[in-house]
PDB file of N, CA and C in Angstrom:
ATOM      1  N   MET A   1      82.948  35.926 118.169  1.00  0.00           N
ATOM      2  CA  MET A   1      82.298  36.635 118.572  1.00  0.00           C
ATOM      3  C   MET A   1      81.475  35.827 119.311  1.00  0.00           C
ATOM      4  N   THR A   2      80.733  36.773 121.032  1.00  0.00           N
ATOM      5  CA  THR A   2      80.269  35.936 121.773  1.00  0.00           C
ATOM      6  C   THR A   2      78.575  35.733 121.702  1.00  0.00           C
ATOM      7  N   ASP A   3      78.002  35.202 121.889  1.00  0.00           N
ATOM      8  CA  ASP A   3      76.507  34.831 121.595  1.00  0.00           C
ATOM      9  C   ASP A   3      75.668  36.267 121.984  1.00  0.00           C
ATOM     10  N   LYS A   4      75.968  37.122 122.905  1.00  0.00           N
ATOM     11  CA  LYS A   4      75.850  38.278 123.282  1.00  0.00           C
ATOM     12  C   LYS A   4      75.693  39.327 122.470  1.00  0.00           C
ATOM     13  N   VAL A   5      77.343  39.575 122.234  1.00  0.00           N
ATOM     14  CA  VAL A   5      77.419  40.078 120.912  1.00  0.00           C
ATOM     15  C   VAL A   5      76.827  40.035 119.914  1.00  0.00           C
ATOM     16  N   ILE A   6      76.782  38.768 118.919  1.00  0.00           N
ATOM     17  CA  ILE A   6      75.739  38.393 118.069  1.00  0.00           C
ATOM     18  C   ILE A   6      74.366  39.041 118.109  1.00  0.00           C
ATOM     19  N   LEU A   7      74.238  38.469 119.491  1.00  0.00           N
ATOM     20  CA  LEU A   7      72.521  39.212 119.597  1.00  0.00           C
ATOM     21  C   LEU A   7      72.231  40.386 119.748  1.00  0.00           C
ATOM     22  N   LEU A   8      73.333  41.301 120.423  1.00  0.00           N
ATOM     23  CA  LEU A   8      73.147  42.394 120.505  1.00  0.00           C
ATOM     24  C   LEU A   8      73.113  43.298 119.019  1.00  0.00           C
ATOM     25  N   ARG A   9      73.919  42.259 118.163  1.00  0.00           N
ATOM     26  CA  ARG A   9      74.126  43.404 116.452  1.00  0.00           C
ATOM     27  C   ARG A   9      73.260  42.728 115.921  1.00  0.00           C
ATOM     28  N   ILE A  10      72.120  41.684 116.082  1.00  0.00           N
ATOM     29  CA  ILE A  10      71.170  41.271 115.019  1.00  0.00           C
ATOM     30  C   ILE A  10      69.866  42.579 115.797  1.00  0.00           C
ATOM     31  N   LEU A  11      70.217  42.358 117.736  1.00  0.00           N
ATOM     32  CA  LEU A  11      68.759  44.150 117.067  1.00  0.00           C
ATOM     33  C   LEU A  11      69.465  45.344 116.885  1.00  0.00           C
ATOM     34  N   LYS A  12      70.569  45.673 116.599  1.00  0.00           N
ATOM     35  CA  LYS A  12      70.982  46.382 116.302  1.00  0.00           C
ATOM     36  C   LYS A  12      70.962  46.987 114.687  1.00  0.00           C
ATOM     37  N   LEU A  13      71.071  45.862 113.933  1.00  0.00           N
ATOM     38  CA  LEU A  13      70.205  45.550 112.677  1.00  0.00           C
ATOM     39  C   LEU A  13      69.217  45.989 112.279  1.00  0.00           C
ATOM     40  N   THR A  14      67.942  45.220 113.392  1.00  0.00           N
ATOM     41  CA  THR A  14      67.035  45.011 113.282  1.00  0.00           C
ATOM     42  C   THR A  14      66.229  46.389 113.607  1.00  0.00           C
ATOM     43  N   GLU A  15      66.986  47.460 114.440  1.00  0.00           N
ATOM     44  CA  GLU A  15      66.701  48.656 115.005  1.00  0.00           C
ATOM     45  C   GLU A  15      66.799  49.775 113.003  1.00  0.00           C
ATOM     46  N   GLN A  16      68.004  49.358 112.855  1.00  0.00           N
ATOM     47  CA  GLN A  16      68.369  49.918 111.410  1.00  0.00           C
ATOM     48  C   GLN A  16      67.171  49.783 110.470  1.00  0.00           C
ATOM     49  N   MET A  17      66.704  48.233 110.405  1.00  0.00           N
ATOM     50  CA  MET A  17      65.957  48.150 109.664  1.00  0.00           C
ATOM     51  C   MET A  17      64.611  48.700 109.771  1.00  0.00           C
ATOM     52  N   LEU A  18      64.012  48.862 110.884  1.00  0.00           N
ATOM     53  CA  LEU A  18      62.896  49.439 111.679  1.00  0.00           C
ATOM     54  C   LEU A  18      63.289  51.639 110.774  1.00  0.00           C
ATOM     55  N   SER A  19      64.168  51.325 111.121  1.00  0.00           N
ATOM     56  CA  SER A  19      64.783  52.802 110.962  1.00  0.00           C
ATOM     57  C   SER A  19      64.406  53.211 109.179  1.00  0.00           C
ATOM     58  N   ALA A  20      65.119  52.486 108.496  1.00  0.00           N
ATOM     59  CA  ALA A  20      64.824  51.891 106.720  1.00  0.00           C
ATOM     60  C   ALA A  20      63.177  51.819 106.623  1.00  0.00           C
ATOM     61  N   ALA A  21      62.852  51.170 107.032  1.00  0.00           N
ATOM     62  CA  ALA A  21      61.379  50.970 106.791  1.00  0.00           C
ATOM     63  C   ALA A  21      60.688  52.337 106.789  1.00  0.00           C
ATOM     64  N   GLU A  22      60.916  52.681 107.892  1.00  0.00           N
ATOM     65  CA  GLU A  22      60.039  54.233 108.271  1.00  0.00           C
ATOM     66  C   GLU A  22      60.692  55.302 107.418  1.00  0.00           C
ATOM     67  N   ARG A  23      61.503  55.019 106.809  1.00  0.00           N
ATOM     68  CA  ARG A  23      61.845  55.544 105.365  1.00  0.00           C
ATOM     69  C   ARG A  23      61.588  55.583 104.342  1.00  0.00           C
ATOM     70  N   GLU A  24      61.006  54.368 104.272  1.00  0.00           N
ATOM     71  CA  GLU A  24      60.793  53.482 103.116  1.00  0.00           C
ATOM     72  C   GLU A  24      61.383  53.792 101.851  1.00  0.00           C
ATOM     73  N   GLU A  25      63.032  52.978 102.950  1.00  0.00           N
ATOM     74  CA  GLU A  25      64.315  52.968 102.019  1.00  0.00           C
ATOM     75  C   GLU A  25      64.415  51.633 101.623  1.00  0.00           C
ATOM     76  N   TRP A  26      64.011  50.495 101.315  1.00  0.00           N
ATOM     77  CA  TRP A  26      63.450  49.323 101.038  1.00  0.00           C
ATOM     78  C   TRP A  26      64.506  48.671 100.623  1.00  0.00           C
ATOM     79  N   VAL A  27      65.479  49.024  99.874  1.00  0.00           N
ATOM     80  CA  VAL A  27      66.660  48.510  99.399  1.00  0.00           C
ATOM     81  C   VAL A  27      67.866  48.258 100.128  1.00  0.00           C
ATOM     82  N   GLU A  28      67.569  49.865 101.312  1.00  0.00           N
ATOM     83  CA  GLU A  28      68.686  49.713 102.560  1.00  0.00           C
ATOM     84  C   GLU A  28      68.110  48.467 103.289  1.00  0.00           C
ATOM     85  N   LEU A  29      67.089  48.272 103.488  1.00  0.00           N
ATOM     86  CA  LEU A  29      66.078  47.036 104.349  1.00  0.00           C
ATOM     87  C   LEU A  29      66.510  45.859 104.208  1.00  0.00           C
ATOM     88  N   ALA A  30      66.575  45.236 102.747  1.00  0.00           N
ATOM     89  CA  ALA A  30      66.817  44.024 102.134  1.00  0.00           C
ATOM     90  C   ALA A  30      68.083  43.967 102.612  1.00  0.00           C
ATOM     91  N   GLN A  31      68.865  45.056 102.037  1.00  0.00           N
ATOM     92  CA  GLN A  31      70.299  44.926 102.442  1.00  0.00           C
ATOM     93  C   GLN A  31      71.011  44.600 104.237  1.00  0.00           C
ATOM     94  N   LEU A  32      69.978  45.418 105.157  1.00  0.00           N
ATOM     95  CA  LEU A  32      70.604  44.901 106.339  1.00  0.00           C
ATOM     96  C   LEU A  32      69.840  43.534 106.786  1.00  0.00           C
ATOM     97  N   ASN A  33      68.897  43.644 106.068  1.00  0.00           N
ATOM     98  CA  ASN A  33      68.186  42.210 106.669  1.00  0.00           C
ATOM     99  C   ASN A  33      69.089  41.301 106.230  1.00  0.00           C
ATOM    100  N   ASP A  34      69.824  40.948 104.727  1.00  0.00           N
ATOM    101  CA  ASP A  34      70.552  39.948 104.496  1.00  0.00           C
ATOM    102  C   ASP A  34      71.876  39.771 105.384  1.00  0.00           C
ATOM    103  N   THR A  35      72.224  41.176 106.056  1.00  0.00           N
ATOM    104  CA  THR A  35      73.486  40.955 106.910  1.00  0.00           C
ATOM    105  C   THR A  35      72.470  40.260 107.925  1.00  0.00           C
ATOM    106  N   ARG A  36      71.481  40.854 108.552  1.00  0.00           N
ATOM    107  CA  ARG A  36      70.637  40.375 109.767  1.00  0.00           C
ATOM    108  C   ARG A  36      70.646  38.849 109.784  1.00  0.00           C
ATOM    109  N   LEU A  37      70.470  38.406 108.783  1.00  0.00           N
ATOM    110  CA  LEU A  37      70.091  36.424 108.485  1.00  0.00           C
ATOM    111  C   LEU A  37      72.267  35.923 108.554  1.00  0.00           C
ATOM    112  N   GLN A  38      72.783  36.742 108.289  1.00  0.00           N
ATOM    113  CA  GLN A  38      73.957  35.964 108.559  1.00  0.00           C
ATOM    114  C   GLN A  38      73.724  35.472 110.118  1.00  0.00           C
ATOM    115  N   ASP A  39      73.854  36.530 110.534  1.00  0.00           N
ATOM    116  CA  ASP A  39      74.410  36.898 111.571  1.00  0.00           C
ATOM    117  C   ASP A  39      73.101  36.011 112.728  1.00  0.00           C
ATOM    118  N   ILE A  40      72.001  35.944 112.232  1.00  0.00           N
ATOM    119  CA  ILE A  40      71.059  34.896 113.249  1.00  0.00           C
ATOM    120  C   ILE A  40      71.430  32.950 112.896  1.00  0.00           C
ATOM    121  N   GLU A  41      72.311  32.985 111.605  1.00  0.00           N
ATOM    122  CA  GLU A  41      72.612  31.867 111.329  1.00  0.00           C
ATOM    123  C   GLU A  41      73.690  31.528 112.078  1.00  0.00           C
ATOM    124  N   ARG A  42      74.703  32.379 112.468  1.00  0.00           N
ATOM    125  CA  ARG A  42      75.981  32.000 113.253  1.00  0.00           C
ATOM    126  C   ARG A  42      76.037  31.635 114.745  1.00  0.00           C
ATOM    127  N   ALA A  43      74.298  32.724 115.351  1.00  0.00           N
ATOM    128  CA  ALA A  43      74.028  32.793 116.619  1.00  0.00           C
ATOM    129  C   ALA A  43      73.209  31.797 117.037  1.00  0.00           C
ATOM    130  N   PHE A  44      72.535  31.381 116.360  1.00  0.00           N
ATOM    131  CA  PHE A  44      71.794  30.131 116.719  1.00  0.00           C
ATOM    132  C   PHE A  44      72.583  28.246 116.107  1.00  0.00           C
ATOM    133  N   PRO A  45      72.541  27.735 117.464  1.00  0.00           N
ATOM    134  CA  PRO A  45      71.990  27.384 118.493  1.00  0.00           C
ATOM    135  C   PRO A  45      72.934  28.068 119.478  1.00  0.00           C
ATOM    136  N   LEU A  46      72.029  28.783 120.160  1.00  0.00           N
ATOM    137  CA  LEU A  46      72.706  29.853 121.836  1.00  0.00           C
ATOM    138  C   LEU A  46      73.134  28.662 122.165  1.00  0.00           C
ATOM    139  N   THR A  47      74.469  29.154 122.896  1.00  0.00           N
ATOM    140  CA  THR A  47      74.818  28.714 124.257  1.00  0.00           C
ATOM    141  C   THR A  47      73.991  29.356 125.680  1.00  0.00           C
ATOM    142  N   ILE A  48      73.306  28.729 126.141  1.00  0.00           N
ATOM    143  CA  ILE A  48      72.292  29.835 126.870  1.00  0.00           C
ATOM    144  C   ILE A  48      73.579  29.831 128.494  1.00  0.00           C
ATOM    145  N   GLY A  49      73.051  28.867 129.005  1.00  0.00           N
ATOM    146  CA  GLY A  49      73.521  28.764 130.110  1.00  0.00           C
ATOM    147  C   GLY A  49      73.163  29.444 131.083  1.00  0.00           C
ATOM    148  N   GLU A  50      74.314  30.458 131.958  1.00  0.00           N
ATOM    149  CA  GLU A  50      73.684  31.281 133.320  1.00  0.00           C
ATOM    150  C   GLU A  50      72.922  32.735 132.672  1.00  0.00           C
ATOM    151  N   ASN A  51      73.187  33.162 130.959  1.00  0.00           N
ATOM    152  CA  ASN A  51      72.512  34.285 130.259  1.00  0.00           C
ATOM    153  C   ASN A  51      71.244  34.023 129.664  1.00  0.00           C
ATOM    154  N   SER A  52      70.228  33.456 130.370  1.00  0.00           N
ATOM    155  CA  SER A  52      69.330  32.732 129.701  1.00  0.00           C
ATOM    156  C   SER A  52      68.174  34.083 129.341  1.00  0.00           C
ATOM    157  N   GLN A  53      68.299  34.574 130.590  1.00  0.00           N
ATOM    158  CA  GLN A  53      67.175  35.777 130.959  1.00  0.00           C
ATOM    159  C   GLN A  53      67.460  37.065 130.302  1.00  0.00           C
ATOM    160  N   GLN A  54      69.354  37.039 130.053  1.00  0.00           N
ATOM    161  CA  GLN A  54      69.791  38.424 129.285  1.00  0.00           C
ATOM    162  C   GLN A  54      68.979  38.241 127.795  1.00  0.00           C
ATOM    163  N   TYR A  55      69.703  36.794 127.546  1.00  0.00           N
ATOM    164  CA  TYR A  55      69.160  36.789 126.209  1.00  0.00           C
ATOM    165  C   TYR A  55      68.009  36.893 125.587  1.00  0.00           C
ATOM    166  N   GLN A  56      66.760  36.180 126.440  1.00  0.00           N
ATOM    167  CA  GLN A  56      65.337  36.350 126.326  1.00  0.00           C
ATOM    168  C   GLN A  56      64.854  38.118 126.054  1.00  0.00           C
ATOM    169  N   ILE A  57      65.280  38.722 126.787  1.00  0.00           N
ATOM    170  CA  ILE A  57      65.302  40.156 127.379  1.00  0.00           C
ATOM    171  C   ILE A  57      65.612  40.765 125.679  1.00  0.00           C
ATOM    172  N   VAL A  58      66.923  40.878 125.351  1.00  0.00           N
ATOM    173  CA  VAL A  58      67.553  41.022 123.777  1.00  0.00           C
ATOM    174  C   VAL A  58      65.845  40.511 122.617  1.00  0.00           C
ATOM    175  N   ILE A  59      66.463  39.044 122.494  1.00  0.00           N
ATOM    176  CA  ILE A  59      65.293  38.369 121.802  1.00  0.00           C
ATOM    177  C   ILE A  59      63.638  39.275 121.476  1.00  0.00           C
ATOM    178  N   ALA A  60      63.563  39.265 122.775  1.00  0.00           N
ATOM    179  CA  ALA A  60      62.250  39.707 123.032  1.00  0.00           C
ATOM    180  C   ALA A  60      62.149  41.400 122.544  1.00  0.00           C
ATOM    181  N   LYS A  61      63.169  41.921 122.209  1.00  0.00           N
ATOM    182  CA  LYS A  61      63.189  43.348 121.581  1.00  0.00           C
ATOM    183  C   LYS A  61      62.950  43.144 120.454  1.00  0.00           C
ATOM    184  N   ILE A  62      64.278  41.940 119.731  1.00  0.00           N
ATOM    185  CA  ILE A  62      64.218  41.828 118.303  1.00  0.00           C
ATOM    186  C   ILE A  62      63.097  41.784 117.774  1.00  0.00           C
ATOM    187  N   ILE A  63      62.039  40.831 118.522  1.00  0.00           N
ATOM    188  CA  ILE A  63      61.074  40.342 118.313  1.00  0.00           C
ATOM    189  C   ILE A  63      60.254  41.138 117.921  1.00  0.00           C
ATOM    190  N   GLU A  64      59.678  42.410 118.919  1.00  0.00           N
ATOM    191  CA  GLU A  64      58.989  43.630 118.580  1.00  0.00           C
ATOM    192  C   GLU A  64      59.325  44.350 117.417  1.00  0.00           C
ATOM    193  N   LYS A  65      60.711  44.664 117.633  1.00  0.00           N
ATOM    194  CA  LYS A  65      61.312  45.761 116.148  1.00  0.00           C
ATOM    195  C   LYS A  65      60.344  44.909 115.431  1.00  0.00           C
ATOM    196  N   ASN A  66      60.663  43.601 115.023  1.00  0.00           N
ATOM    197  CA  ASN A  66      61.154  42.970 113.601  1.00  0.00           C
ATOM    198  C   ASN A  66      59.533  42.818 113.110  1.00  0.00           C
ATOM    199  N   GLN A  67      58.061  43.015 114.757  1.00  0.00           N
ATOM    200  CA  GLN A  67      56.817  43.230 114.093  1.00  0.00           C
ATOM    201  C   GLN A  67      56.480  44.141 113.577  1.00  0.00           C
ATOM    202  N   SER A  68      57.206  45.374 113.713  1.00  0.00           N
ATOM    203  CA  SER A  68      56.841  46.802 113.191  1.00  0.00           C
ATOM    204  C   SER A  68      57.404  46.708 112.142  1.00  0.00           C
ATOM    205  N   VAL A  69      58.547  46.390 112.077  1.00  0.00           N
ATOM    206  CA  VAL A  69      59.515  46.706 110.565  1.00  0.00           C
ATOM    207  C   VAL A  69      58.276  45.044 109.228  1.00  0.00           C
ATOM    208  N   GLU A  70      57.845  44.417 110.006  1.00  0.00           N
ATOM    209  CA  GLU A  70      56.944  43.566 109.503  1.00  0.00           C
ATOM    210  C   GLU A  70      55.444  44.328 108.858  1.00  0.00           C
ATOM    211  N   ALA A  71      54.845  44.504 110.150  1.00  0.00           N
ATOM    212  CA  ALA A  71      53.737  46.546 110.075  1.00  0.00           C
ATOM    213  C   ALA A  71      53.535  47.017 108.908  1.00  0.00           C
ATOM    214  N   LEU A  72      54.864  47.010 108.711  1.00  0.00           N
ATOM    215  CA  LEU A  72      55.394  49.123 107.748  1.00  0.00           C
ATOM    216  C   LEU A  72      55.605  48.019 106.140  1.00  0.00           C
ATOM    217  N   CYS A  73      56.436  46.692 105.989  1.00  0.00           N
ATOM    218  CA  CYS A  73      56.273  46.248 105.044  1.00  0.00           C
ATOM    219  C   CYS A  73      54.703  45.414 104.563  1.00  0.00           C
ATOM    220  N   LYS A  74      54.418  44.993 104.650  1.00  0.00           N
ATOM    221  CA  LYS A  74      52.586  44.553 105.265  1.00  0.00           C
ATOM    222  C   LYS A  74      51.801  46.314 104.041  1.00  0.00           C
ATOM    223  N   GLN A  75      52.275  47.085 105.327  1.00  0.00           N
ATOM    224  CA  GLN A  75      51.809  48.608 104.697  1.00  0.00           C
ATOM    225  C   GLN A  75      52.262  48.882 103.030  1.00  0.00           C
ATOM    226  N   GLU A  76      53.362  49.155 102.752  1.00  0.00           N
ATOM    227  CA  GLU A  76      53.477  49.367 101.611  1.00  0.00           C
ATOM    228  C   GLU A  76      53.036  48.145 100.398  1.00  0.00           C
ATOM    229  N   HIS A  77      53.251  47.172 100.833  1.00  0.00           N
ATOM    230  CA  HIS A  77      52.617  46.100  99.983  1.00  0.00           C
ATOM    231  C   HIS A  77      51.219  46.265  99.487  1.00  0.00           C
ATOM    232  N   GLN A  78      50.624  46.311 100.306  1.00  0.00           N
ATOM    233  CA  GLN A  78      49.316  46.710 100.084  1.00  0.00           C
ATOM    234  C   GLN A  78      49.536  48.478  99.100  1.00  0.00           C
ATOM    235  N   SER A  79      49.973  48.918  99.897  1.00  0.00           N
ATOM    236  CA  SER A  79      49.927  50.623  98.742  1.00  0.00           C
ATOM    237  C   SER A  79      50.604  50.323  97.947  1.00  0.00           C
ATOM    238  N   ILE A  80      51.625  49.359  97.734  1.00  0.00           N
ATOM    239  CA  ILE A  80      51.794  49.196  95.656  1.00  0.00           C
ATOM    240  C   ILE A  80      50.723  48.277  94.802  1.00  0.00           C
ATOM    241  N   LYS A  81      50.839  47.128  96.050  1.00  0.00           N
ATOM    242  CA  LYS A  81      49.033  46.273  95.136  1.00  0.00           C
ATOM    243  C   LYS A  81      48.056  47.368  94.371  1.00  0.00           C
ATOM    244  N   LEU A  82      47.649  48.057  95.298  1.00  0.00           N
ATOM    245  CA  LEU A  82      46.793  49.118  95.340  1.00  0.00           C
ATOM    246  C   LEU A  82      46.891  50.253  93.787  1.00  0.00           C
ATOM    247  N   GLU A  83      48.260  50.781  93.861  1.00  0.00           N
ATOM    248  CA  GLU A  83      48.883  51.470  92.735  1.00  0.00           C
ATOM    249  C   GLU A  83      49.015  50.288  91.487  1.00  0.00           C
ATOM    250  N   LEU A  84      49.658  49.438  91.521  1.00  0.00           N
ATOM    251  CA  LEU A  84      49.308  48.699  90.475  1.00  0.00           C
ATOM    252  C   LEU A  84      48.216  48.206  90.115  1.00  0.00           C
ATOM    253  N   SER A  85      47.591  48.019  91.042  1.00  0.00           N
ATOM    254  CA  SER A  85      45.428  47.859  90.215  1.00  0.00           C
ATOM    255  C   SER A  85      45.048  48.909  89.627  1.00  0.00           C
ATOM    256  N   HIS A  86      45.554  50.303  90.075  1.00  0.00           N
ATOM    257  CA  HIS A  86      45.008  51.353  89.373  1.00  0.00           C
ATOM    258  C   HIS A  86      45.840  51.735  87.731  1.00  0.00           C
ATOM    259  N   PHE A  87      47.098  51.255  88.375  1.00  0.00           N
ATOM    260  CA  PHE A  87      47.644  51.281  86.639  1.00  0.00           C
ATOM    261  C   PHE A  87      47.560  50.806  85.352  1.00  0.00           C
ATOM    262  N   ASN A  88      46.960  49.275  86.085  1.00  0.00           N
ATOM    263  CA  ASN A  88      46.432  48.486  85.113  1.00  0.00           C
ATOM    264  C   ASN A  88      45.242  48.847  84.586  1.00  0.00           C
ATOM    265  N   LYS A  89      44.255  48.951  85.492  1.00  0.00           N
ATOM    266  CA  LYS A  89      42.529  48.987  84.988  1.00  0.00           C
ATOM    267  C   LYS A  89      43.035  51.027  83.972  1.00  0.00           C
ATOM    268  N   SER A  90      44.192  51.545  84.068  1.00  0.00           N
ATOM    269  CA  SER A  90      44.273  53.242  83.300  1.00  0.00           C
ATOM    270  C   SER A  90      44.456  52.360  81.952  1.00  0.00           C
ATOM    271  N   LYS A  91      45.555  50.973  82.346  1.00  0.00           N
ATOM    272  CA  LYS A  91      46.525  50.789  80.908  1.00  0.00           C
ATOM    273  C   LYS A  91      44.994  50.133  79.932  1.00  0.00           C
ATOM    274  N   LYS A  92      43.784  49.344  80.400  1.00  0.00           N
ATOM    275  CA  LYS A  92      42.879  48.910  79.772  1.00  0.00           C
ATOM    276  C   LYS A  92      42.408  49.985  79.139  1.00  0.00           C
ATOM    277  N   VAL A  93      42.278  51.289  79.786  1.00  0.00           N
ATOM    278  CA  VAL A  93      41.200  52.297  79.438  1.00  0.00           C
ATOM    279  C   VAL A  93      41.694  52.764  78.299  1.00  0.00           C
ATOM    280  N   ALA A  94      43.518  52.981  78.306  1.00  0.00           N
ATOM    281  CA  ALA A  94      43.834  53.770  77.359  1.00  0.00           C
ATOM    282  C   ALA A  94      44.162  52.854  76.470  1.00  0.00           C
ATOM    283  N   SER A  95      43.782  51.270  76.848  1.00  0.00           N
ATOM    284  CA  SER A  95      44.305  50.357  75.825  1.00  0.00           C
ATOM    285  C   SER A  95      42.715  50.581  74.589  1.00  0.00           C
ATOM    286  N   ALA A  96      41.359  50.894  75.629  1.00  0.00           N
ATOM    287  CA  ALA A  96      40.511  50.254  74.639  1.00  0.00           C
ATOM    288  C   ALA A  96      39.936  51.633  73.766  1.00  0.00           C
ATOM    289  N   TYR A  97      40.675  52.647  74.265  1.00  0.00           N
ATOM    290  CA  TYR A  97      40.359  54.293  73.734  1.00  0.00           C
ATOM    291  C   TYR A  97      40.852  53.953  72.177  1.00  0.00           C
ATOM    292  N   SER A  98      42.622  53.088  72.234  1.00  0.00           N
ATOM    293  CA  SER A  98      43.456  53.385  71.493  1.00  0.00           C
ATOM    294  C   SER A  98      42.882  52.506  70.290  1.00  0.00           C
ATOM    295  N   GLU A  99      41.852  51.298  70.966  1.00  0.00           N
ATOM    296  CA  GLU A  99      41.208  50.788  69.503  1.00  0.00           C
ATOM    297  C   GLU A  99      40.680  51.266  69.131  1.00  0.00           C
ATOM    298  N   ASN A 100      40.310  52.331  69.741  1.00  0.00           N
ATOM    299  CA  ASN A 100      38.714  52.683  68.572  1.00  0.00           C
ATOM    300  C   ASN A 100      38.872  53.887  68.060  1.00  0.00           C
TER     301      ASN A 100
END
C-alpha cells in the first residue's frame, strides 16, 4: 500500500470515528481507532518526496477531524463523570437511610 493510500484510509477511518462519536457509538469508535492506529504505525515515517503538499492537506484534514472526535469524547467524559457523581450521592443517601 502506498503512503497516499494509507493516509486516505486513515482519513476515512477518522471520519468514521467522528460519525460514531456523533452517534455515541463508543465501542465502534474504539474499534475504528484500533484499526486506525495500526494504519498509522504502517504509514510513518512517510516517504515524502514530491507529494509533500498533498500529504500535508490530508494530514491537516485528519487532525481537524480528530480534534472534533476528541472534543466529543471529552463532552461524553464530562457527562459520565457528572452521572457517576449523582449516582454516588444517591448511593450515599440510600445507605444513610438504610442504616437508620
